[in-house]
Amino acid sequence: MTDDPLLKSIAGLSVIAPDADWAQRVRARCHSRIVGNHTVRPLTIADLAAAVLLCVYLSVVLKAAASLGGL
């Protein structure tokens, strides 16, 4: 090895290991937030209207693509 002072200072650094307890607490907190916010709201008329419009638009686009493709 060389007598490089930078390499000597790097070799003297301590190794930092993650704290397992902290990681477990964070994981548990995130899991509880995900599970706690999992509510299903009922569909509204606006949702259904948007779905119908999307289906109509998609069918028009597919029909135009088929006619351009010669089908």
N, C-alpha and C. Protein backbone atom coordinates (compact mmCIF):
# COMPACT_ATOMS: atom_id res chain seq x y z
N MET A 1 0.82 -1.18 0.00
CA MET A 1 0.00 0.00 0.00
C MET A 1 0.87 1.25 0.00
N THR A 2 0.30 2.32 -0.46
CA THR A 2 1.05 3.57 -0.51
C THR A 2 0.87 4.32 0.79
N ASP A 3 1.64 5.36 0.94
CA ASP A 3 1.55 6.20 2.14
C ASP A 3 0.69 7.43 1.87
N ASP A 4 -0.42 7.23 1.18
CA ASP A 4 -1.31 8.32 0.85
C ASP A 4 -2.11 8.72 2.10
N PRO A 5 -2.08 9.99 2.51
CA PRO A 5 -2.80 10.41 3.71
C PRO A 5 -4.31 10.30 3.56
N LEU A 6 -4.81 10.46 2.34
CA LEU A 6 -6.24 10.34 2.11
C LEU A 6 -6.71 8.91 2.36
N LEU A 7 -5.97 7.94 1.85
CA LEU A 7 -6.33 6.55 2.08
C LEU A 7 -6.23 6.19 3.56
N LYS A 8 -5.27 6.74 4.26
CA LYS A 8 -5.14 6.48 5.69
C LYS A 8 -6.34 7.06 6.45
N SER A 9 -6.78 8.26 6.05
CA SER A 9 -7.92 8.86 6.75
C SER A 9 -9.22 8.11 6.44
N ILE A 10 -9.35 7.61 5.22
CA ILE A 10 -10.53 6.82 4.87
C ILE A 10 -10.54 5.51 5.64
N ALA A 11 -9.39 4.88 5.79
CA ALA A 11 -9.30 3.62 6.51
C ALA A 11 -9.65 3.80 7.99
N GLY A 12 -9.45 4.98 8.52
CA GLY A 12 -9.74 5.23 9.92
C GLY A 12 -11.19 5.58 10.21
N LEU A 13 -12.02 5.71 9.19
CA LEU A 13 -13.44 6.05 9.40
C LEU A 13 -14.19 4.88 10.02
N SER A 14 -15.15 5.20 10.84
CA SER A 14 -15.96 4.13 11.44
C SER A 14 -17.09 3.74 10.49
N VAL A 15 -17.53 2.51 10.63
CA VAL A 15 -18.60 2.00 9.78
C VAL A 15 -19.94 2.34 10.43
N ILE A 16 -20.84 2.90 9.65
CA ILE A 16 -22.15 3.26 10.16
C ILE A 16 -23.14 2.18 9.72
N ALA A 17 -23.78 1.56 10.69
CA ALA A 17 -24.77 0.53 10.41
C ALA A 17 -26.16 1.10 10.69
N PRO A 18 -27.15 0.73 9.89
CA PRO A 18 -28.50 1.23 10.14
C PRO A 18 -29.07 0.67 11.44
N ASP A 19 -29.88 1.46 12.10
CA ASP A 19 -30.51 1.06 13.34
C ASP A 19 -31.74 0.21 13.02
N ALA A 20 -31.73 -1.05 13.39
CA ALA A 20 -32.82 -1.96 13.06
C ALA A 20 -34.12 -1.56 13.76
N ASP A 21 -34.05 -1.06 14.98
CA ASP A 21 -35.25 -0.63 15.69
C ASP A 21 -35.91 0.55 15.00
N TRP A 22 -35.11 1.50 14.55
CA TRP A 22 -35.64 2.66 13.84
C TRP A 22 -36.31 2.23 12.55
N ALA A 23 -35.67 1.35 11.80
CA ALA A 23 -36.25 0.89 10.53
C ALA A 23 -37.57 0.16 10.78
N GLN A 24 -37.64 -0.62 11.85
CA GLN A 24 -38.88 -1.33 12.17
C GLN A 24 -39.99 -0.36 12.55
N ARG A 25 -39.66 0.68 13.31
CA ARG A 25 -40.66 1.68 13.68
C ARG A 25 -41.19 2.42 12.46
N VAL A 26 -40.30 2.80 11.55
CA VAL A 26 -40.71 3.50 10.34
C VAL A 26 -41.58 2.59 9.49
N ARG A 27 -41.19 1.33 9.35
CA ARG A 27 -41.98 0.38 8.56
C ARG A 27 -43.37 0.19 9.16
N ALA A 28 -43.45 0.08 10.48
CA ALA A 28 -44.75 -0.10 11.15
C ALA A 28 -45.62 1.15 10.99
N ARG A 29 -45.02 2.33 11.10
CA ARG A 29 -45.78 3.57 10.95
C ARG A 29 -46.31 3.71 9.53
N CYS A 30 -45.49 3.40 8.54
CA CYS A 30 -45.94 3.48 7.14
C CYS A 30 -47.05 2.47 6.88
N HIS A 31 -46.88 1.26 7.40
CA HIS A 31 -47.89 0.23 7.20
C HIS A 31 -49.23 0.64 7.81
N SER A 32 -49.18 1.22 9.01
CA SER A 32 -50.43 1.63 9.65
C SER A 32 -51.10 2.77 8.89
N ARG A 33 -50.32 3.65 8.30
CA ARG A 33 -50.91 4.74 7.50
C ARG A 33 -51.55 4.19 6.23
N ILE A 34 -50.88 3.23 5.59
CA ILE A 34 -51.42 2.66 4.35
C ILE A 34 -52.71 1.92 4.64
N VAL A 35 -52.71 1.11 5.68
CA VAL A 35 -53.90 0.34 6.03
C VAL A 35 -55.01 1.26 6.52
N GLY A 36 -54.66 2.29 7.27
CA GLY A 36 -55.67 3.19 7.82
C GLY A 36 -56.36 4.03 6.78
N ASN A 37 -55.70 4.35 5.68
CA ASN A 37 -56.28 5.22 4.65
C ASN A 37 -56.95 4.44 3.53
N HIS A 38 -57.12 3.15 3.70
CA HIS A 38 -57.68 2.31 2.64
C HIS A 38 -59.20 2.27 2.77
N THR A 39 -59.84 3.31 2.27
CA THR A 39 -61.30 3.34 2.26
C THR A 39 -61.77 3.43 0.81
N VAL A 40 -62.87 2.79 0.55
CA VAL A 40 -63.43 2.79 -0.80
C VAL A 40 -64.64 3.71 -0.81
N ARG A 41 -64.60 4.69 -1.69
CA ARG A 41 -65.74 5.59 -1.77
C ARG A 41 -66.67 5.09 -2.87
N PRO A 42 -67.95 5.31 -2.70
CA PRO A 42 -68.91 4.83 -3.71
C PRO A 42 -68.79 5.64 -5.00
N LEU A 43 -69.16 5.01 -6.10
CA LEU A 43 -69.14 5.69 -7.39
C LEU A 43 -70.24 6.74 -7.44
N THR A 44 -69.92 7.84 -8.08
CA THR A 44 -70.90 8.90 -8.24
C THR A 44 -71.35 8.95 -9.70
N ILE A 45 -72.33 9.76 -9.95
CA ILE A 45 -72.83 9.94 -11.33
C ILE A 45 -71.71 10.50 -12.22
N ALA A 46 -70.90 11.39 -11.67
CA ALA A 46 -69.80 11.97 -12.45
C ALA A 46 -68.77 10.90 -12.82
N ASP A 47 -68.51 9.97 -11.91
CA ASP A 47 -67.59 8.88 -12.22
C ASP A 47 -68.13 8.01 -13.35
N LEU A 48 -69.41 7.68 -13.26
CA LEU A 48 -70.02 6.84 -14.30
C LEU A 48 -70.07 7.57 -15.64
N ALA A 49 -70.38 8.86 -15.61
CA ALA A 49 -70.42 9.63 -16.86
C ALA A 49 -69.03 9.70 -17.49
N ALA A 50 -68.01 9.88 -16.67
CA ALA A 50 -66.65 9.92 -17.20
C ALA A 50 -66.26 8.57 -17.81
N ALA A 51 -66.67 7.48 -17.17
CA ALA A 51 -66.37 6.15 -17.70
C ALA A 51 -67.07 5.92 -19.04
N VAL A 52 -68.33 6.35 -19.15
CA VAL A 52 -69.07 6.20 -20.40
C VAL A 52 -68.42 7.03 -21.50
N LEU A 53 -68.07 8.28 -21.20
CA LEU A 53 -67.42 9.13 -22.20
C LEU A 53 -66.08 8.55 -22.64
N LEU A 54 -65.34 7.99 -21.72
CA LEU A 54 -64.06 7.38 -22.06
C LEU A 54 -64.27 6.19 -22.97
N CYS A 55 -65.27 5.37 -22.70
CA CYS A 55 -65.55 4.21 -23.55
C CYS A 55 -65.97 4.65 -24.95
N VAL A 56 -66.81 5.66 -25.03
CA VAL A 56 -67.25 6.17 -26.34
C VAL A 56 -66.06 6.72 -27.11
N TYR A 57 -65.22 7.51 -26.45
CA TYR A 57 -64.04 8.08 -27.10
C TYR A 57 -63.11 6.97 -27.58
N LEU A 58 -62.90 5.97 -26.74
CA LEU A 58 -62.01 4.86 -27.11
C LEU A 58 -62.57 4.09 -28.30
N SER A 59 -63.86 3.90 -28.34
CA SER A 59 -64.45 3.18 -29.49
C SER A 59 -64.31 3.98 -30.77
N VAL A 60 -64.45 5.30 -30.70
CA VAL A 60 -64.27 6.14 -31.89
C VAL A 60 -62.83 6.09 -32.37
N VAL A 61 -61.89 6.14 -31.43
CA VAL A 61 -60.47 6.08 -31.80
C VAL A 61 -60.14 4.73 -32.42
N LEU A 62 -60.64 3.66 -31.84
CA LEU A 62 -60.36 2.32 -32.39
C LEU A 62 -61.01 2.14 -33.76
N LYS A 63 -62.19 2.70 -33.96
CA LYS A 63 -62.85 2.61 -35.27
C LYS A 63 -62.05 3.37 -36.31
N ALA A 64 -61.56 4.56 -35.94
CA ALA A 64 -60.75 5.33 -36.88
C ALA A 64 -59.43 4.61 -37.20
N ALA A 65 -58.82 4.00 -36.19
CA ALA A 65 -57.58 3.26 -36.41
C ALA A 65 -57.83 2.06 -37.31
N ALA A 66 -58.96 1.39 -37.13
CA ALA A 66 -59.29 0.23 -37.96
C ALA A 66 -59.53 0.66 -39.40
N SER A 67 -60.19 1.79 -39.59
CA SER A 67 -60.45 2.24 -40.96
C SER A 67 -59.15 2.68 -41.64
N LEU A 68 -58.23 3.26 -40.88
CA LEU A 68 -56.94 3.63 -41.47
C LEU A 68 -56.10 2.40 -41.78
N GLY A 69 -56.29 1.35 -41.01
CA GLY A 69 -55.54 0.12 -41.24
C GLY A 69 -56.15 -0.75 -42.31
N GLY A 70 -57.30 -0.38 -42.81
CA GLY A 70 -57.93 -1.13 -43.89
C GLY A 70 -58.78 -2.28 -43.40
N LEU A 71 -59.19 -2.24 -42.17
CA LEU A 71 -60.06 -3.31 -41.65
C LEU A 71 -61.51 -2.98 -41.81
